[in-house]
Protein backbone atom coordinates (compact mmCIF):
# COMPACT_ATOMS: atom_id res chain seq x y z
CA MET A 1 -34.27 -12.03 20.92
CA THR A 2 -37.66 -12.28 20.66
CA LYS A 3 -37.63 -10.20 24.27
CA LEU A 4 -34.96 -7.96 23.16
CA ILE A 5 -37.38 -7.38 19.70
CA ASP A 6 -40.62 -6.95 21.57
CA GLN A 7 -38.70 -4.08 23.99
CA SER A 8 -37.74 -2.22 20.81
CA GLU A 9 -39.69 0.96 19.61
CA ARG A 10 -42.14 -0.36 16.89
CA ILE A 11 -42.50 2.29 13.88
CA GLY A 12 -44.80 0.95 11.25
CA VAL A 13 -45.28 -2.31 9.41
CA ILE A 14 -44.62 -3.72 6.19
CA GLY A 15 -47.03 -2.30 3.49
CA SER A 16 -47.86 -2.59 -0.37
CA PRO A 17 -46.33 -2.60 -2.86
CA SER A 18 -43.38 -4.47 -1.71
CA SER A 19 -40.67 -6.83 -3.05
CA THR A 20 -37.47 -8.77 -1.94
CA ALA A 21 -35.28 -5.82 -3.19
CA GLN A 22 -37.21 -2.92 -1.46
CA LEU A 23 -39.98 -2.82 1.16
CA THR A 24 -42.39 -0.32 1.72
CA LEU A 25 -43.13 0.88 5.00
CA ASP A 26 -46.40 2.28 6.44
CA ILE A 27 -45.15 4.46 9.53
CA LEU A 28 -47.22 4.45 12.20
CA GLY A 29 -49.00 7.61 13.44
CA THR A 30 -46.75 7.63 16.94
CA SER A 31 -43.85 7.80 14.58
CA VAL A 32 -44.73 10.30 12.08
CA CYS A 33 -43.11 13.02 13.96
CA LYS A 34 -39.91 11.23 14.54
CA LYS A 35 -36.45 11.91 12.94
CA LEU A 36 -36.60 8.13 10.59
CA ILE A 37 -33.93 8.70 7.66
CA GLY A 38 -31.02 6.51 7.80
CA GLU A 39 -32.47 4.64 10.87
CA LEU A 40 -31.60 1.36 10.99
CA ALA A 41 -34.77 -1.08 11.18
CA LEU A 42 -35.53 -4.72 11.86
CA PHE A 43 -38.53 -7.02 11.13
CA ARG A 44 -39.03 -10.93 12.15
CA TYR A 45 -40.45 -13.27 9.63
CA LEU A 46 -40.86 -17.09 9.47
CA GLN A 47 -38.68 -18.59 6.30
CA ASP A 48 -38.31 -22.12 5.67
CA GLY A 49 -39.50 -22.94 9.10
CA ARG A 50 -37.14 -20.88 10.82
CA ASN A 51 -37.19 -16.99 12.56
CA HIS A 52 -35.43 -14.37 10.28
CA TYR A 53 -34.29 -11.24 11.27
CA SER A 54 -33.38 -8.61 8.09
CA LEU A 55 -32.03 -5.20 8.76
CA GLY A 56 -31.71 -2.25 6.80
CA GLN A 57 -31.57 1.27 6.69
CA ILE A 58 -34.49 3.83 6.08
CA THR A 59 -33.90 5.80 2.65
CA GLU A 60 -36.84 7.84 2.20
CA VAL A 61 -40.04 8.65 3.85
CA ARG A 62 -42.99 10.14 1.95
CA LEU A 63 -46.64 11.09 2.62
CA SER A 64 -49.76 10.89 0.82
CA ASN A 65 -53.11 12.37 1.33
CA ILE A 66 -55.69 11.44 -1.70
CA TRP A 67 -58.22 13.81 -0.64
CA HIS A 68 -55.34 17.03 -1.34
CA GLU A 69 -55.23 15.52 -4.82
CA ASP A 70 -58.50 16.25 -5.66
CA PRO A 71 -58.95 19.18 -7.56
CA THR A 72 -62.39 20.39 -5.94
CA MET A 73 -60.49 20.20 -2.35
CA ARG A 74 -57.05 21.59 -3.31
CA SER A 75 -59.07 24.69 -4.49
CA LEU A 76 -60.90 24.53 -0.62
CA ILE A 77 -57.41 24.29 0.61
CA ARG A 78 -56.07 27.43 -1.81
CA GLN A 79 -58.74 29.33 -0.21
CA LYS A 80 -58.78 28.40 3.24
CA GLY A 81 -55.39 26.92 3.81
CA ARG A 82 -56.79 23.41 5.29
CA VAL A 83 -59.69 21.61 5.67
CA ASP A 84 -60.16 20.01 9.15
CA PRO A 85 -61.47 16.86 8.46
CA ILE A 86 -59.27 15.84 6.02
CA SER A 87 -55.96 17.94 6.42
CA GLU A 88 -53.23 15.93 8.77
CA ARG A 89 -56.31 13.06 9.86
CA GLN A 90 -55.78 11.67 5.91
CA ASP A 91 -52.71 12.03 5.71
CA THR A 92 -50.16 8.57 5.11
CA HIS A 93 -47.18 8.24 6.06
CA MET A 94 -44.99 5.61 4.18
CA GLY A 95 -41.06 4.87 3.69
CA ASP A 96 -38.36 3.05 1.79
CA MET A 97 -36.31 0.59 3.33
CA THR A 98 -33.63 -0.97 2.00
CA ILE A 99 -32.28 -4.60 2.94
CA SER A 100 -28.63 -4.84 4.21
CA ALA A 101 -28.12 -8.06 5.93
CA VAL A 102 -30.53 -10.92 7.02
CA PHE A 103 -29.82 -13.40 9.80
CA SER A 104 -31.45 -16.64 10.85
CA ASP A 105 -32.02 -19.24 13.91
CA GLY A 106 -29.30 -21.09 13.79
CA VAL A 107 -27.44 -24.31 15.92
CA ASP A 108 -24.90 -22.53 17.17
CA GLY A 109 -26.14 -18.71 17.51
CA TYR A 110 -27.54 -16.25 13.98
CA GLU A 111 -26.21 -17.39 10.47
CA PRO A 112 -26.21 -14.99 7.45
CA SER A 113 -29.34 -15.35 5.31
CA ILE A 114 -31.25 -13.91 2.60
CA LEU A 115 -34.81 -12.55 2.05
CA GLY A 116 -35.71 -15.20 0.01
CA THR A 117 -39.62 -13.72 0.43
CA VAL A 118 -41.46 -11.31 1.11
CA PRO A 119 -43.30 -10.91 4.36
CA ALA A 120 -47.01 -10.37 4.89
CA THR A 121 -48.39 -6.70 5.13
CA GLY A 122 -48.51 -5.81 8.74
CA THR A 123 -45.60 -7.42 10.00
CA PRO A 124 -44.04 -5.21 12.78
CA ILE A 125 -40.93 -2.87 11.65
CA HIS A 126 -39.00 -2.29 15.14
CA LEU A 127 -35.90 0.16 15.18
CA VAL A 128 -32.74 -1.46 15.96
CA GLY A 129 -30.73 -0.56 19.28
CA ASP A 130 -27.30 -1.37 20.12
CA GLU A 131 -28.45 -4.31 22.23
CA ILE A 132 -29.86 -6.05 19.54
CA LEU A 133 -26.97 -5.80 17.28
CA GLN A 134 -24.72 -7.31 20.04
CA ALA A 135 -27.32 -10.58 20.40
CA LEU A 136 -26.85 -10.98 16.31
CA LEU A 137 -23.28 -10.62 15.97
CA ASP A 138 -22.17 -12.07 19.48
CA LYS A 139 -20.23 -14.83 17.75
CA TYR A 140 -18.01 -11.64 16.23
CA LYS A 141 -18.07 -9.75 18.66
CA GLU A 142 -13.82 -9.90 18.87
CA GLU A 143 -13.87 -8.92 15.37
CA MET A 144 -16.22 -5.93 15.10
CA PHE A 145 -14.61 -2.71 15.00
CA TYR A 146 -16.59 0.79 15.17
CA LEU A 147 -15.79 4.05 13.32
CA GLY A 148 -18.79 5.79 14.12
CA LYS A 149 -22.82 5.28 14.66
CA VAL A 150 -25.59 4.28 12.12
CA TYR A 151 -26.16 7.85 9.91
CA GLY A 152 -28.71 10.13 11.84
CA SER A 153 -29.10 7.50 14.66
CA THR A 154 -27.87 6.36 18.01
CA PRO A 155 -26.65 2.74 17.74
CA LYS A 156 -23.02 1.89 16.89
CA LEU A 157 -22.25 0.74 13.10
CA PRO A 158 -20.41 -2.50 13.12
CA LEU A 159 -17.81 -2.71 10.96
CA TRP A 160 -14.76 -5.59 10.69
CA PHE A 161 -11.39 -4.84 8.94
CA LYS A 162 -9.57 -8.16 8.73
CA HIS A 163 -6.11 -8.93 8.11
CA PHE A 164 -4.87 -10.11 4.35
CA GLY A 165 -3.66 -13.58 5.98
CA LYS A 166 -6.10 -16.55 7.18
CA GLY A 167 -7.56 -17.52 9.49
CA ARG A 168 -10.83 -16.27 11.59
CA GLN A 169 -9.80 -12.95 11.40
CA GLY A 170 -8.09 -13.04 8.02
CA ALA A 171 -9.80 -12.21 4.58
CA GLY A 172 -7.72 -14.84 3.02
CA GLU A 173 -6.81 -12.23 0.21
CA ALA A 174 -5.97 -8.55 0.61
CA TYR A 175 -8.73 -5.99 -0.59
CA HIS A 176 -7.83 -2.38 -1.98
CA LEU A 177 -9.96 0.19 -0.45
CA GLY A 178 -10.69 3.70 -1.35
CA ILE A 179 -11.92 6.87 0.86
CA PHE A 180 -13.26 9.96 -1.17
CA GLY A 181 -14.49 13.56 -0.05
CA LYS A 182 -13.75 16.87 -0.64
CA THR A 183 -11.48 19.28 1.53
CA GLY A 184 -12.85 18.81 5.36
CA SER A 185 -15.17 16.19 4.61
CA GLY A 186 -13.18 13.96 7.64
CA LYS A 187 -11.47 11.51 5.13
CA SER A 188 -8.20 11.74 6.33
CA VAL A 189 -9.02 11.58 10.07
CA LEU A 190 -11.42 8.63 9.01
CA ALA A 191 -7.75 6.80 7.05
CA LYS A 192 -6.34 7.28 10.62
CA MET A 193 -9.14 5.23 12.63
CA ILE A 194 -9.02 2.71 10.03
CA LEU A 195 -4.94 2.46 10.26
CA LEU A 196 -5.51 1.67 13.93
CA ALA A 197 -8.17 -1.35 12.72
CA TYR A 198 -5.30 -2.74 11.10
CA ALA A 199 -2.59 -1.98 13.93
CA ARG A 200 -4.50 -4.35 15.74
CA TYR A 201 -3.00 -7.52 13.84
CA SER A 202 0.79 -8.14 15.05
CA ASP A 203 1.36 -10.06 11.60
CA MET A 204 0.41 -7.51 9.40
CA ALA A 205 2.68 -4.60 8.04
CA ILE A 206 1.77 -1.07 7.18
CA PHE A 207 2.75 1.22 4.71
CA VAL A 208 2.06 4.97 4.29
CA ILE A 209 3.21 6.89 1.81
CA ASP A 210 2.72 10.63 3.18
CA PRO A 211 3.64 13.38 0.20
CA GLN A 212 2.42 15.90 2.37
CA GLY A 213 3.71 14.85 5.82
CA GLU A 214 -0.22 14.63 7.22
CA PHE A 215 0.37 11.00 8.72
CA SER A 216 4.00 11.75 10.06
CA LYS A 217 3.04 14.87 11.86
CA ASP A 218 0.75 12.74 14.27
CA MET A 219 3.03 9.85 14.37
CA LYS A 220 5.92 12.14 15.54
CA THR A 221 4.06 14.27 17.92
CA GLY A 222 1.61 11.60 19.15
CA GLN A 223 -1.36 14.51 18.74
CA ALA A 224 -3.09 15.39 15.38
CA LEU A 225 -2.95 19.38 14.76
CA GLY A 226 -6.32 19.41 14.06
CA GLU A 227 -9.93 19.20 15.79
CA PHE A 228 -9.75 15.39 16.34
CA GLN A 229 -6.67 14.83 18.40
CA LEU A 230 -6.39 10.99 17.90
CA PRO A 231 -3.15 9.85 20.35
CA MET A 232 -1.37 7.55 17.45
CA ILE A 233 1.46 7.13 19.15
CA GLY A 234 -0.45 5.90 22.82
CA VAL A 235 -2.31 4.04 21.22
CA LEU A 236 0.38 1.86 18.85
CA LYS A 237 2.20 1.57 22.16
CA GLY A 238 -0.56 0.28 23.77
CA LEU A 239 -1.17 -2.02 21.19
CA LYS A 240 2.54 -3.03 21.10
CA LYS A 241 3.28 -2.00 17.69
CA PRO A 242 6.29 -0.95 16.52
CA HIS A 243 5.85 2.20 14.42
CA GLU A 244 8.42 4.34 12.54
CA VAL A 245 8.67 7.59 10.72
CA LEU A 246 11.13 8.14 8.06
CA GLY A 247 11.67 11.39 6.50
CA VAL A 248 13.71 12.45 3.27
CA ARG A 249 16.89 13.14 5.43
CA ASN A 250 16.44 9.10 6.82
CA LEU A 251 16.39 7.55 3.11
CA VAL A 252 19.64 7.21 1.04
CA LEU A 253 18.83 6.85 -2.56
CA ASP A 254 20.42 3.42 -3.97
CA ARG A 255 20.30 3.14 -7.25
CA TRP A 256 22.35 4.41 -10.16
CA ASN A 257 19.65 5.10 -12.59
CA PHE A 258 18.33 7.23 -9.69
CA PHE A 259 21.77 9.15 -10.28
CA GLU A 260 21.64 9.53 -13.55
CA GLU A 261 17.71 10.87 -13.99
CA ILE A 262 18.07 13.22 -10.69
CA ILE A 263 22.06 14.95 -11.81
CA ALA A 264 19.94 15.25 -15.52
CA GLY A 265 17.34 17.32 -13.89
CA SER A 266 19.23 19.35 -12.10
CA ASP A 267 21.46 22.46 -12.76
CA PHE A 268 25.18 20.45 -12.98
CA PHE A 269 24.75 20.38 -16.80
CA GLU A 270 22.59 23.99 -17.50
CA ARG A 271 25.25 25.58 -16.04
CA LEU A 272 27.83 23.90 -18.23
CA GLY A 273 25.74 25.01 -21.24
CA MET A 274 23.60 21.90 -22.23
CA HIS A 275 20.33 23.75 -22.37
CA THR A 276 18.48 20.72 -24.39
CA SER A 277 17.15 18.11 -22.00
CA ASP A 278 18.33 15.27 -24.62
CA LYS A 279 21.95 16.58 -24.63
CA ARG A 280 21.43 16.42 -20.31
CA LYS A 281 20.10 12.71 -20.18
CA LEU A 282 23.12 11.92 -22.80
CA ALA A 283 25.43 12.94 -20.56
CA ALA A 284 23.92 12.08 -17.61
CA GLU A 285 23.90 8.30 -19.00
CA VAL A 286 28.26 8.71 -20.14
CA LEU A 287 29.04 10.09 -16.83
CA ARG A 288 27.37 7.33 -14.60
CA GLU A 289 28.76 4.71 -17.01
CA GLN A 290 32.22 5.83 -16.55
CA LEU A 291 32.14 6.36 -12.78
CA GLU A 292 30.83 2.88 -12.46
CA ARG A 293 33.67 1.75 -14.59
CA GLU A 294 36.05 3.52 -12.35
CA ARG A 295 34.37 1.55 -9.45
CA VAL A 296 33.09 4.83 -7.30
CA THR A 297 30.53 3.80 -5.60
CA LEU A 298 26.88 5.11 -4.59
CA ASN A 299 27.89 6.12 -1.00
CA GLN A 300 31.45 7.87 -2.05
CA LEU A 301 29.49 10.66 -4.53
CA TYR A 302 29.82 13.08 -1.90
CA THR A 303 33.79 12.98 -1.82
CA ARG A 304 35.92 15.86 -3.53
CA ASP A 305 37.55 12.33 -4.95
CA ALA A 306 34.39 11.09 -6.64
CA PHE A 307 33.94 14.94 -7.87
CA ASP A 308 37.30 15.20 -9.55
CA ALA A 309 36.73 11.92 -11.23
CA ALA A 310 33.19 12.98 -12.70
CA TRP A 311 35.10 16.44 -13.58
CA ARG A 312 38.26 14.77 -15.48
CA ILE A 313 35.95 12.60 -17.29
CA LEU A 314 33.89 15.15 -18.51
CA GLN A 315 36.63 16.36 -20.30
CA ASP A 316 38.11 13.21 -21.77
CA ASP A 317 38.09 13.31 -25.21
CA HIS A 318 36.46 10.19 -26.08
CA VAL A 319 33.20 11.10 -23.60
CA LEU A 320 32.63 14.51 -25.15
CA THR A 321 32.30 12.70 -28.64
CA GLN A 322 29.48 10.54 -27.02
CA ILE A 323 27.98 13.40 -25.85
CA TYR A 324 28.35 16.35 -29.02
CA SER A 325 29.45 14.88 -32.28
CA GLY A 326 30.09 17.94 -34.22
CA ARG A 327 33.46 19.44 -33.24
CA GLU A 328 32.45 23.06 -32.87
CA ARG A 329 29.79 22.06 -30.10
CA LYS A 330 31.92 19.35 -28.51
CA ALA A 331 35.30 22.08 -28.23
CA GLU A 332 32.61 24.95 -26.58
CA LEU A 333 32.10 22.27 -23.96
CA LEU A 334 35.46 21.44 -23.21
CA ARG A 335 36.08 25.33 -22.78
CA MET A 336 32.68 25.67 -20.54
CA ILE A 337 33.84 23.21 -18.66
CA GLN A 338 37.77 24.26 -18.00
CA SER A 339 36.55 28.11 -17.60
CA THR A 340 34.30 26.72 -15.02
CA ASP A 341 35.35 26.80 -11.07
CA ALA A 342 35.31 23.59 -9.96
CA ASN A 343 35.09 24.25 -6.21
CA ASP A 344 32.28 26.53 -6.61
CA HIS A 345 30.32 23.79 -9.01
CA PHE A 346 30.93 20.98 -6.43
CA ASN A 347 29.33 22.63 -3.73
CA ALA A 348 26.86 24.34 -5.84
CA TYR A 349 25.66 21.36 -8.20
CA TRP A 350 27.41 18.42 -7.11
CA LEU A 351 26.84 17.91 -3.53
CA PRO A 352 22.99 18.29 -3.24
CA VAL A 353 22.64 15.48 -5.65
CA ALA A 354 25.47 13.66 -4.49
CA ASN A 355 24.22 14.02 -0.67
CA LEU A 356 21.17 12.25 -1.28
CA PHE A 357 23.60 8.81 -1.73
CA GLN A 358 25.45 9.22 1.84
CA TYR A 359 25.10 7.01 4.39
CA ARG A 360 24.14 9.66 7.15
CA THR A 361 23.40 9.14 10.81
CA GLY A 362 20.00 7.68 11.34
CA ALA A 363 19.42 7.07 7.55
CA THR A 364 18.83 3.90 5.77
CA SER A 365 18.78 2.39 2.24
CA VAL A 366 15.37 1.49 0.54
CA ASP A 367 16.52 -2.23 0.30
CA THR A 368 17.49 -2.30 4.08
CA LEU A 369 14.34 -1.13 4.82
CA LEU A 370 12.20 -3.32 3.00
CA ARG A 371 14.06 -5.72 4.78
CA LYS A 372 13.49 -4.68 8.03
CA VAL A 373 9.75 -4.71 7.66
CA PHE A 374 9.50 -8.33 5.37
CA ASP A 375 12.28 -10.40 7.10
CA ILE A 376 10.99 -10.85 10.05
CA GLN A 377 10.73 -13.94 12.17
CA ALA A 378 7.46 -15.66 12.81
CA GLY A 379 5.97 -14.37 16.00
CA THR A 380 7.51 -10.96 16.25
CA ALA A 381 5.36 -8.02 15.87
CA ARG A 382 5.78 -6.31 12.10
CA PRO A 383 5.86 -2.60 12.06
CA ILE A 384 3.85 0.66 10.26
CA ILE A 385 6.45 2.77 8.21
CA VAL A 386 5.23 6.05 7.48
CA VAL A 387 7.42 7.52 4.67
CA ASP A 388 7.18 11.15 4.84
CA LEU A 389 8.29 12.49 1.62
CA SER A 390 7.70 16.03 1.84
CA LYS A 391 9.99 18.72 0.81
CA GLU A 392 9.63 20.37 5.47
CA SER A 393 11.22 16.41 5.82
CA ALA A 394 14.09 17.12 3.67
CA GLY A 395 16.08 19.60 5.86
CA GLY A 396 17.88 21.21 3.44
CA LEU A 397 18.67 18.16 0.88
CA TYR A 398 18.09 18.30 -2.77
CA TRP A 399 14.48 18.06 -3.07
CA ASN A 400 11.88 18.11 -5.95
CA ASP A 401 8.68 16.41 -7.40
CA GLN A 402 11.05 14.65 -9.71
CA ILE A 403 13.19 13.03 -7.01
CA GLN A 404 9.96 12.08 -4.83
CA ALA A 405 8.65 10.13 -7.89
CA LEU A 406 11.87 7.89 -8.62
CA VAL A 407 11.81 7.25 -4.09
CA ILE A 408 7.83 6.46 -4.67
CA ASN A 409 8.50 4.14 -7.73
CA ARG A 410 11.23 2.51 -5.74
CA LEU A 411 9.51 1.86 -3.10
CA PHE A 412 6.54 0.70 -5.17
CA ASP A 413 8.87 -1.69 -6.82
CA GLY A 414 10.53 -2.76 -3.93
CA ILE A 415 7.24 -3.54 -2.04
CA VAL A 416 5.27 -5.48 -4.46
CA LEU A 417 8.64 -7.42 -5.06
CA GLN A 418 8.67 -8.39 -1.88
CA ALA A 419 5.66 -9.53 -2.26
CA GLU A 420 5.75 -11.96 -5.32
CA LYS A 421 8.54 -13.22 -3.64
CA SER A 422 6.65 -14.21 -0.34
CA TYR A 423 3.94 -15.58 -2.96
CA THR A 424 5.93 -17.61 -5.12
CA GLU A 425 8.96 -18.44 -2.82
CA LYS A 426 7.33 -19.22 0.53
CA ASN A 427 3.57 -19.54 -0.69
CA THR A 428 2.56 -17.27 2.35
CA SER A 429 0.68 -14.04 2.24
CA LEU A 430 2.78 -10.91 2.21
CA ASN A 431 -0.37 -9.36 4.88
CA THR A 432 0.83 -6.02 3.98
CA LEU A 433 -1.62 -2.62 3.55
CA VAL A 434 0.16 0.25 1.80
CA ILE A 435 -1.95 3.70 2.55
CA ILE A 436 -1.55 6.39 0.23
CA ASP A 437 -2.28 9.64 0.83
CA GLU A 438 -3.33 12.45 -1.77
CA ALA A 439 -3.69 9.62 -4.13
CA ARG A 440 -4.47 11.89 -7.25
CA ARG A 441 -1.02 13.02 -7.75
CA LEU A 442 0.15 9.66 -7.93
CA ALA A 443 -2.47 7.53 -9.91
CA SER A 444 -4.30 10.51 -11.72
CA ARG A 445 -6.86 9.13 -14.57
CA GLU A 446 -4.89 11.62 -16.83
CA GLN A 447 -1.15 10.78 -18.34
CA GLY A 448 1.39 12.18 -15.54
CA GLU A 449 3.17 15.45 -16.35
CA ASN A 450 6.61 13.55 -17.06
CA GLU A 451 8.04 10.00 -17.26
CA GLU A 452 8.56 9.61 -14.04
CA ALA A 453 5.23 10.53 -12.62
CA ASP A 454 3.21 8.59 -15.32
CA ARG A 455 5.45 5.07 -14.43
CA ILE A 456 4.03 5.62 -10.92
CA ARG A 457 0.60 5.86 -12.15
CA LYS A 458 1.17 2.49 -14.48
CA ASN A 459 2.82 0.88 -11.55
CA LEU A 460 0.20 1.48 -9.25
CA ALA A 461 -2.73 0.96 -11.64
CA ASP A 462 -1.06 -2.58 -12.62
CA ALA A 463 -0.79 -3.01 -9.16
CA ALA A 464 -4.35 -2.77 -8.01
CA LEU A 465 -4.96 -5.56 -10.71
CA THR A 466 -2.17 -8.09 -9.39
CA THR A 467 -1.26 -7.93 -6.49
CA ARG A 468 -4.40 -8.99 -4.28
CA LYS A 469 -3.04 -12.36 -4.07
CA TYR A 470 -0.12 -11.79 -3.02
CA GLY A 471 -1.72 -10.56 0.30
CA LEU A 472 -0.85 -6.82 -0.63
CA GLY A 473 -3.73 -4.40 -0.47
CA TRP A 474 -3.90 -0.65 -0.96
CA MET A 475 -5.71 2.45 0.21
CA PHE A 476 -6.35 5.17 -1.95
CA ILE A 477 -7.57 8.61 -0.41
CA THR A 478 -8.25 11.21 -2.12
CA GLN A 479 -10.85 13.99 -3.36
CA SER A 480 -13.02 11.95 -5.68
CA PRO A 481 -13.15 8.55 -7.48
CA LEU A 482 -12.94 10.58 -10.68
CA ASN A 483 -9.05 11.58 -9.72
CA LEU A 484 -8.12 8.22 -9.75
CA HIS A 485 -6.84 5.66 -12.36
CA ARG A 486 -10.13 3.93 -13.87
CA ASP A 487 -8.43 0.55 -13.14
CA ILE A 488 -7.65 1.34 -9.75
CA VAL A 489 -10.98 2.55 -9.34
CA ASN A 490 -12.57 -0.83 -10.99
CA GLN A 491 -10.50 -2.81 -8.49
CA LEU A 492 -11.67 -1.34 -4.68
CA ARG A 493 -13.41 -3.59 -2.73
CA ILE A 494 -13.84 -0.74 0.06
CA ASN A 495 -15.40 2.45 -0.36
CA PHE A 496 -15.97 5.53 1.78
CA PHE A 497 -17.62 8.37 0.66
CA GLY A 498 -17.81 11.61 2.23
CA PHE A 499 -19.81 14.50 1.81
CA GLY A 500 -18.89 16.62 -1.98
CA LEU A 501 -19.43 14.22 -4.26
CA ALA A 502 -23.40 15.04 -4.85
CA MET A 503 -23.16 16.93 -8.30
CA GLY A 504 -22.14 16.76 -11.67
CA ALA A 505 -20.19 13.93 -12.91
CA GLU A 506 -18.69 13.13 -9.74
CA PHE A 507 -22.52 12.42 -8.69
CA ASN A 508 -22.02 10.27 -12.24
CA ALA A 509 -19.41 8.28 -10.76
CA LEU A 510 -20.56 7.76 -7.61
CA LYS A 511 -23.88 6.52 -9.46
CA GLU A 512 -22.05 3.77 -11.16
CA ILE A 513 -20.18 2.58 -8.18
CA VAL A 514 -22.65 1.53 -5.96
CA GLY A 515 -24.83 0.66 -8.60
CA GLY A 516 -27.39 3.49 -9.05
CA ASP A 517 -29.52 2.46 -6.27
CA PRO A 518 -31.60 5.58 -6.48
CA ASN A 519 -32.52 5.60 -2.60
CA SER A 520 -28.90 5.03 -1.30
CA LEU A 521 -28.21 8.28 -3.51
CA LYS A 522 -30.96 10.05 -2.29
CA LEU A 523 -29.35 9.43 1.51
CA TYR A 524 -26.12 10.12 0.61
CA ARG A 525 -27.39 13.67 -1.07
CA SER A 526 -28.43 14.20 2.54
CA PHE A 527 -25.29 14.29 3.89
CA ARG A 528 -24.42 18.13 5.19
CA ASP A 529 -21.07 19.72 5.04
CA PRO A 530 -19.64 19.45 8.35
CA HIS A 531 -18.02 22.87 7.65
CA CYS A 532 -21.78 24.20 8.23
CA ALA A 533 -22.20 23.66 12.02
CA PHE A 534 -22.53 26.05 14.49
CA ASP A 535 -19.34 24.98 16.27
CA ALA A 536 -16.51 22.06 16.08
CA VAL A 537 -18.52 19.94 18.40
CA SER A 538 -21.74 19.64 16.78
CA ARG A 539 -20.21 18.79 13.25
CA GLN A 540 -21.31 15.81 11.92
CA TYR A 541 -18.54 13.53 9.44
CA ALA A 542 -21.03 11.40 7.59
CA PHE A 543 -19.75 8.77 5.27
CA MET A 544 -21.72 6.37 2.95
CA THR A 545 -19.45 2.92 2.68
CA THR A 546 -20.01 0.08 0.46
CA GLY A 547 -18.27 -3.36 -0.05
CA PRO A 548 -17.54 -6.26 2.62
CA VAL A 549 -16.93 -3.96 5.18
CA SER A 550 -19.63 -4.57 7.84
CA PRO A 551 -21.85 -8.14 9.17
CA LEU A 552 -24.62 -5.96 8.04
CA SER A 553 -23.56 -5.23 4.17
CA PHE A 554 -23.36 -8.81 2.65
CA ALA A 555 -26.66 -7.98 0.66
CA GLY A 556 -24.32 -5.90 -1.34
CA THR A 557 -26.14 -1.88 -0.63
CA PRO A 558 -24.56 0.88 0.88
CA LEU A 559 -24.45 1.65 4.97
CA PHE A 560 -24.20 4.91 6.05
CA LEU A 561 -22.53 6.39 9.14
CA THR A 562 -21.35 9.24 11.13
CA ALA A 563 -18.13 9.13 12.52
CA PHE A 564 -17.29 9.87 15.87
CA ASN A 565 -15.89 13.13 16.51
CA ASN A 566 -14.88 12.71 19.73
CA PRO A 567 -11.65 10.36 20.38
CA GLY A 568 -12.14 9.51 23.71
CA GLU A 569 -15.11 7.82 22.48
CA PHE A 570 -13.64 6.51 19.17
CA LEU A 571 -11.10 4.91 22.14
CA LYS A 572 -13.55 3.40 24.16
CA VAL A 573 -15.58 1.33 21.81
CA ASN A 574 -12.75 0.41 20.46
CA ASN A 575 -11.00 -0.89 23.93
CA PHE A 576 -8.15 0.78 22.64
CA THR A 577 -5.57 1.98 25.75
CA VAL A 578 -3.17 4.29 25.51
CA SER A 579 0.16 4.13 26.67
């Protein structure tokens, strides 16, 4: 380590004033023309009789020239522009360095420590390269994962994404993650790279809830549709990780309450003259009860026999009385049913709903799907399941936001139930990550648009509070922390913030999450819009990350990285093979 540090470039020394929270750097004259913002730097010092190595990123550089601040000199400079004896020659450059990690010499390699004292002024500050990082983290090299490089610099930023079970590479409990940034900030690509980081663990399951079909397109075609052509299928095959994409046509609804809510929300009763939602809900409830009494199964609903039974039930005097107590309205409903063409009503309004419950070729129920994921023998790789709930995946089936919300709630309820059973009955971690794209639609800060949407929102907020100990973690992908339920934001352990949160209420929310560190926030504000680049090759997708995501972040301060914009480099650095 001594040799590596001596060979690295010296950019400055510790200056005054400095504290254990923030160090002032006196920049050397040979480095004042270098780009220093964001650079990862290191200094060596003695603490408790052992060598210590402190690392941090340079967050700000300032210039001072006391002679230029003199009123007389300012008057002279205003006339001549510069004064050769003092202009430039008397400049002093100072920088701020925020410490993110400290290591000490240990018996078995380098061990985490703290900055318990302030080293003497004049202590050299060196730039950190890949060689120094590799030497410090040699014990953990098998656990390292790379999403990009240190922001504005060349060394790769070491990260680790531990599974939620026990063991050397396990965290022992689940983490909740958040990825934020404006459209085009690179958050979707970053999420896919993180998915591959967790896919390395054969005993970890991953669920992707994909309301817009973003992830499923990549997983089906094997190639991303954007500029970052990440071969997801090939990488997963190389990892021998089972994976499956399920669209709407591949899911069979398996609950009577689904039928009740969907038929009430469809045009089935509306076309029979029931124009109020309360009456439609009541009619759906009564119809469901009677169908169950006649032992009609959900899978039989698509048959003409099941429809004929429903049509007969709706004309029964006892049923009509339950829906309408008034004689005139009851008689009017009966006349409407008897004057309606049953064949047309069956094809136009019954069958689209009933088909959602029919067992189709290649389709599976939610119960069967969950058993397939969680009832796996030890030693067998657990899968990645992408559930595409976009309208395009319905393939002509009756589909709307209400049905999507029902299915999502059904998935969430089933996954959480599996987590609780695993924890209470088997005393094991579920070791599962659920990734939710477009999370603002499902877990918004404001109340949901309808009853089912609000139930999803409340269920997700409750899950964020309770499921970590079960080994069930959640990743939320959305544009801003302000879009997410406050209880969820408060439970996020690992965050990635891309470009676009540097103004107004969003910036205040960001400040609250990162603890208000002014230098880190200044560095975040230096992020450029990736789409301001001259071409796609030169685009830079910068992120600020907080939480236990790196061996360099145990001090709790944010780290800054520029994500890889070349998939080949990402695959090579992380030793992925494409099959």
